[in-house]
């Protein structure tokens, strides 16, 4: 049986949604690249489906909004934020429908976005 490093386990496994909003997002090199604006939750299952995020800019000015599939974000206890392997190039080339925060994505859009970020199988 493997031992788990206590520093890699959150103090509590649950978090309120308002505590996630504003949480930093880091790239694979641990550099801060944005923040989470809000989560979108599937009503029936209660599962988080995607996060609307803000990337770039300075103090919120000039930032870009991108919708990121939840499975692309992984909480890192050492950074106290979410880490992603999504690259700047992927964000630049992301489907246009994922670049705003005015409307909820359709199931088809969500599936297309998940496939886009998952890459070729």
C-alpha atoms as a PDB file:
ATOM      1  CA  UNK A   1       0.000   0.000   0.000  1.00  0.00           C
ATOM      2  CA  UNK A   2       1.474   3.386  -1.004  1.00  0.00           C
ATOM      3  CA  UNK A   3       1.653   6.284   1.389  1.00  0.00           C
ATOM      4  CA  UNK A   4       0.073   9.590   0.427  1.00  0.00           C
ATOM      5  CA  UNK A   5       2.026  12.761   1.072  1.00  0.00           C
ATOM      6  CA  UNK A   6      -0.094  14.814   3.496  1.00  0.00           C
ATOM      7  CA  UNK A   7       0.765  18.025   1.606  1.00  0.00           C
ATOM      8  CA  UNK A   8      -0.875  16.675  -1.569  1.00  0.00           C
ATOM      9  CA  UNK A   9      -4.234  16.062   0.104  1.00  0.00           C
ATOM     10  CA  UNK A  10      -6.557  19.038   0.652  1.00  0.00           C
ATOM     11  CA  UNK A  11      -7.490  19.739   4.276  1.00  0.00           C
ATOM     12  CA  UNK A  12     -11.114  19.146   3.281  1.00  0.00           C
ATOM     13  CA  UNK A  13     -12.307  17.346   0.114  1.00  0.00           C
ATOM     14  CA  UNK A  14     -15.202  19.774  -0.524  1.00  0.00           C
ATOM     15  CA  UNK A  15     -15.256  23.432  -1.527  1.00  0.00           C
ATOM     16  CA  UNK A  16     -18.044  25.956  -1.994  1.00  0.00           C
ATOM     17  CA  UNK A  17     -18.478  27.345  -5.511  1.00  0.00           C
ATOM     18  CA  UNK A  18     -17.859  30.943  -4.446  1.00  0.00           C
ATOM     19  CA  UNK A  19     -14.444  29.880  -3.132  1.00  0.00           C
ATOM     20  CA  UNK A  20     -13.503  28.486  -6.561  1.00  0.00           C
ATOM     21  CA  UNK A  21     -14.378  31.702  -8.395  1.00  0.00           C
ATOM     22  CA  UNK A  22     -11.236  33.813  -8.628  1.00  0.00           C
ATOM     23  CA  UNK A  23      -8.919  30.851  -8.018  1.00  0.00           C
ATOM     24  CA  UNK A  24      -5.734  31.045 -10.062  1.00  0.00           C
ATOM     25  CA  UNK A  25      -5.079  28.808 -13.052  1.00  0.00           C
ATOM     26  CA  UNK A  26      -1.468  27.822 -13.722  1.00  0.00           C
ATOM     27  CA  UNK A  27       0.164  26.362 -16.816  1.00  0.00           C
ATOM     28  CA  UNK A  28       2.294  23.211 -16.786  1.00  0.00           C
ATOM     29  CA  UNK A  29       5.334  25.342 -15.791  1.00  0.00           C
ATOM     30  CA  UNK A  30       3.503  26.583 -12.665  1.00  0.00           C
ATOM     31  CA  UNK A  31       3.152  30.120 -14.062  1.00  0.00           C
ATOM     32  CA  UNK A  32      -0.160  31.868 -13.307  1.00  0.00           C
ATOM     33  CA  UNK A  33      -2.098  32.323 -16.552  1.00  0.00           C
ATOM     34  CA  UNK A  34      -5.612  33.223 -15.472  1.00  0.00           C
ATOM     35  CA  UNK A  35      -8.466  32.772 -13.035  1.00  0.00           C
ATOM     36  CA  UNK A  36     -11.752  30.916 -12.816  1.00  0.00           C
ATOM     37  CA  UNK A  37     -14.764  33.199 -13.312  1.00  0.00           C
ATOM     38  CA  UNK A  38     -17.447  30.600 -12.660  1.00  0.00           C
ATOM     39  CA  UNK A  39     -18.344  26.926 -12.837  1.00  0.00           C
ATOM     40  CA  UNK A  40     -21.113  25.361 -14.900  1.00  0.00           C
ATOM     41  CA  UNK A  41     -22.784  22.406 -13.198  1.00  0.00           C
ATOM     42  CA  UNK A  42     -25.023  19.767 -14.772  1.00  0.00           C
ATOM     43  CA  UNK A  43     -28.336  19.972 -12.894  1.00  0.00           C
ATOM     44  CA  UNK A  44     -29.238  16.277 -12.661  1.00  0.00           C
ATOM     45  CA  UNK A  45     -25.836  14.747 -11.851  1.00  0.00           C
ATOM     46  CA  UNK A  46     -24.469  17.705  -9.905  1.00  0.00           C
ATOM     47  CA  UNK A  47     -21.147  17.340 -11.727  1.00  0.00           C
ATOM     48  CA  UNK A  48     -19.071  20.345 -12.782  1.00  0.00           C
ATOM     49  CA  UNK A  49     -18.957  20.242 -16.582  1.00  0.00           C
ATOM     50  CA  UNK A  50     -16.786  23.237 -17.436  1.00  0.00           C
ATOM     51  CA  UNK A  51     -15.264  26.400 -16.049  1.00  0.00           C
ATOM     52  CA  UNK A  52     -15.491  29.836 -17.590  1.00  0.00           C
ATOM     53  CA  UNK A  53     -12.024  31.301 -17.179  1.00  0.00           C
ATOM     54  CA  UNK A  54     -10.271  34.602 -17.746  1.00  0.00           C
ATOM     55  CA  UNK A  55      -6.783  34.465 -19.282  1.00  0.00           C
ATOM     56  CA  UNK A  56      -4.194  37.167 -19.835  1.00  0.00           C
ATOM     57  CA  UNK A  57      -4.576  40.886 -19.392  1.00  0.00           C
ATOM     58  CA  UNK A  58      -3.576  43.032 -16.470  1.00  0.00           C
ATOM     59  CA  UNK A  59      -5.966  43.508 -13.536  1.00  0.00           C
ATOM     60  CA  UNK A  60      -8.792  42.101 -15.677  1.00  0.00           C
ATOM     61  CA  UNK A  61      -8.187  44.584 -18.516  1.00  0.00           C
ATOM     62  CA  UNK A  62      -7.544  43.006 -21.898  1.00  0.00           C
ATOM     63  CA  UNK A  63      -8.197  39.500 -20.639  1.00  0.00           C
ATOM     64  CA  UNK A  64      -9.847  36.849 -22.786  1.00  0.00           C
ATOM     65  CA  UNK A  65     -12.655  34.591 -21.656  1.00  0.00           C
ATOM     66  CA  UNK A  66     -12.389  30.886 -22.453  1.00  0.00           C
ATOM     67  CA  UNK A  67     -14.538  27.924 -21.546  1.00  0.00           C
ATOM     68  CA  UNK A  68     -12.409  25.019 -20.326  1.00  0.00           C
ATOM     69  CA  UNK A  69     -13.665  21.458 -19.768  1.00  0.00           C
ATOM     70  CA  UNK A  70     -13.481  20.725 -16.051  1.00  0.00           C
ATOM     71  CA  UNK A  71     -11.417  17.578 -16.623  1.00  0.00           C
ATOM     72  CA  UNK A  72      -8.615  19.807 -17.995  1.00  0.00           C
ATOM     73  CA  UNK A  73      -8.178  21.522 -14.611  1.00  0.00           C
ATOM     74  CA  UNK A  74      -6.494  19.751 -11.704  1.00  0.00           C
ATOM     75  CA  UNK A  75      -6.236  21.236  -8.224  1.00  0.00           C
ATOM     76  CA  UNK A  76      -2.646  21.575  -7.046  1.00  0.00           C
ATOM     77  CA  UNK A  77      -2.401  21.894  -3.259  1.00  0.00           C
ATOM     78  CA  UNK A  78       1.098  23.372  -3.410  1.00  0.00           C
ATOM     79  CA  UNK A  79      -0.070  26.186  -5.704  1.00  0.00           C
ATOM     80  CA  UNK A  80      -3.496  26.563  -4.060  1.00  0.00           C
ATOM     81  CA  UNK A  81      -4.864  26.779  -7.572  1.00  0.00           C
ATOM     82  CA  UNK A  82      -5.715  24.769 -10.639  1.00  0.00           C
ATOM     83  CA  UNK A  83      -3.105  23.509 -13.060  1.00  0.00           C
ATOM     84  CA  UNK A  84      -3.725  22.799 -16.740  1.00  0.00           C
ATOM     85  CA  UNK A  85      -1.729  21.489 -19.660  1.00  0.00           C
ATOM     86  CA  UNK A  86      -3.718  23.644 -22.079  1.00  0.00           C
ATOM     87  CA  UNK A  87      -1.332  25.786 -24.100  1.00  0.00           C
ATOM     88  CA  UNK A  88      -1.656  29.385 -25.230  1.00  0.00           C
ATOM     89  CA  UNK A  89      -1.798  28.111 -28.811  1.00  0.00           C
ATOM     90  CA  UNK A  90      -4.745  25.841 -27.967  1.00  0.00           C
ATOM     91  CA  UNK A  91      -6.577  28.800 -26.431  1.00  0.00           C
ATOM     92  CA  UNK A  92      -5.872  30.928 -29.527  1.00  0.00           C
ATOM     93  CA  UNK A  93      -7.240  28.193 -31.808  1.00  0.00           C
ATOM     94  CA  UNK A  94     -10.177  27.160 -29.605  1.00  0.00           C
ATOM     95  CA  UNK A  95     -13.638  27.039 -31.175  1.00  0.00           C
ATOM     96  CA  UNK A  96     -15.207  30.486 -31.371  1.00  0.00           C
ATOM     97  CA  UNK A  97     -18.265  29.462 -29.323  1.00  0.00           C
ATOM     98  CA  UNK A  98     -15.991  28.830 -26.324  1.00  0.00           C
ATOM     99  CA  UNK A  99     -14.648  32.390 -26.213  1.00  0.00           C
ATOM    100  CA  UNK A 100     -17.488  34.069 -24.385  1.00  0.00           C
ATOM    101  CA  UNK A 101     -19.385  33.842 -21.172  1.00  0.00           C
ATOM    102  CA  UNK A 102     -22.827  35.098 -22.178  1.00  0.00           C
ATOM    103  CA  UNK A 103     -24.551  31.776 -22.900  1.00  0.00           C
ATOM    104  CA  UNK A 104     -24.398  28.184 -21.726  1.00  0.00           C
ATOM    105  CA  UNK A 105     -22.903  25.723 -24.183  1.00  0.00           C
ATOM    106  CA  UNK A 106     -25.174  23.192 -25.823  1.00  0.00           C
ATOM    107  CA  UNK A 107     -24.402  19.528 -25.230  1.00  0.00           C
ATOM    108  CA  UNK A 108     -22.989  19.333 -28.768  1.00  0.00           C
ATOM    109  CA  UNK A 109     -20.743  22.375 -28.168  1.00  0.00           C
ATOM    110  CA  UNK A 110     -19.558  20.939 -24.851  1.00  0.00           C
ATOM    111  CA  UNK A 111     -18.697  17.589 -26.489  1.00  0.00           C
ATOM    112  CA  UNK A 112     -16.866  19.361 -29.334  1.00  0.00           C
ATOM    113  CA  UNK A 113     -14.898  21.433 -26.840  1.00  0.00           C
ATOM    114  CA  UNK A 114     -13.985  18.372 -24.772  1.00  0.00           C
ATOM    115  CA  UNK A 115     -12.755  16.597 -27.911  1.00  0.00           C
ATOM    116  CA  UNK A 116     -10.772  19.680 -28.977  1.00  0.00           C
ATOM    117  CA  UNK A 117      -8.848  19.910 -25.705  1.00  0.00           C
ATOM    118  CA  UNK A 118      -8.444  16.131 -25.326  1.00  0.00           C
ATOM    119  CA  UNK A 119      -6.636  16.022 -28.675  1.00  0.00           C
ATOM    120  CA  UNK A 120      -6.381  13.018 -30.966  1.00  0.00           C
ATOM    121  CA  UNK A 121      -6.884   9.674 -29.301  1.00  0.00           C
END
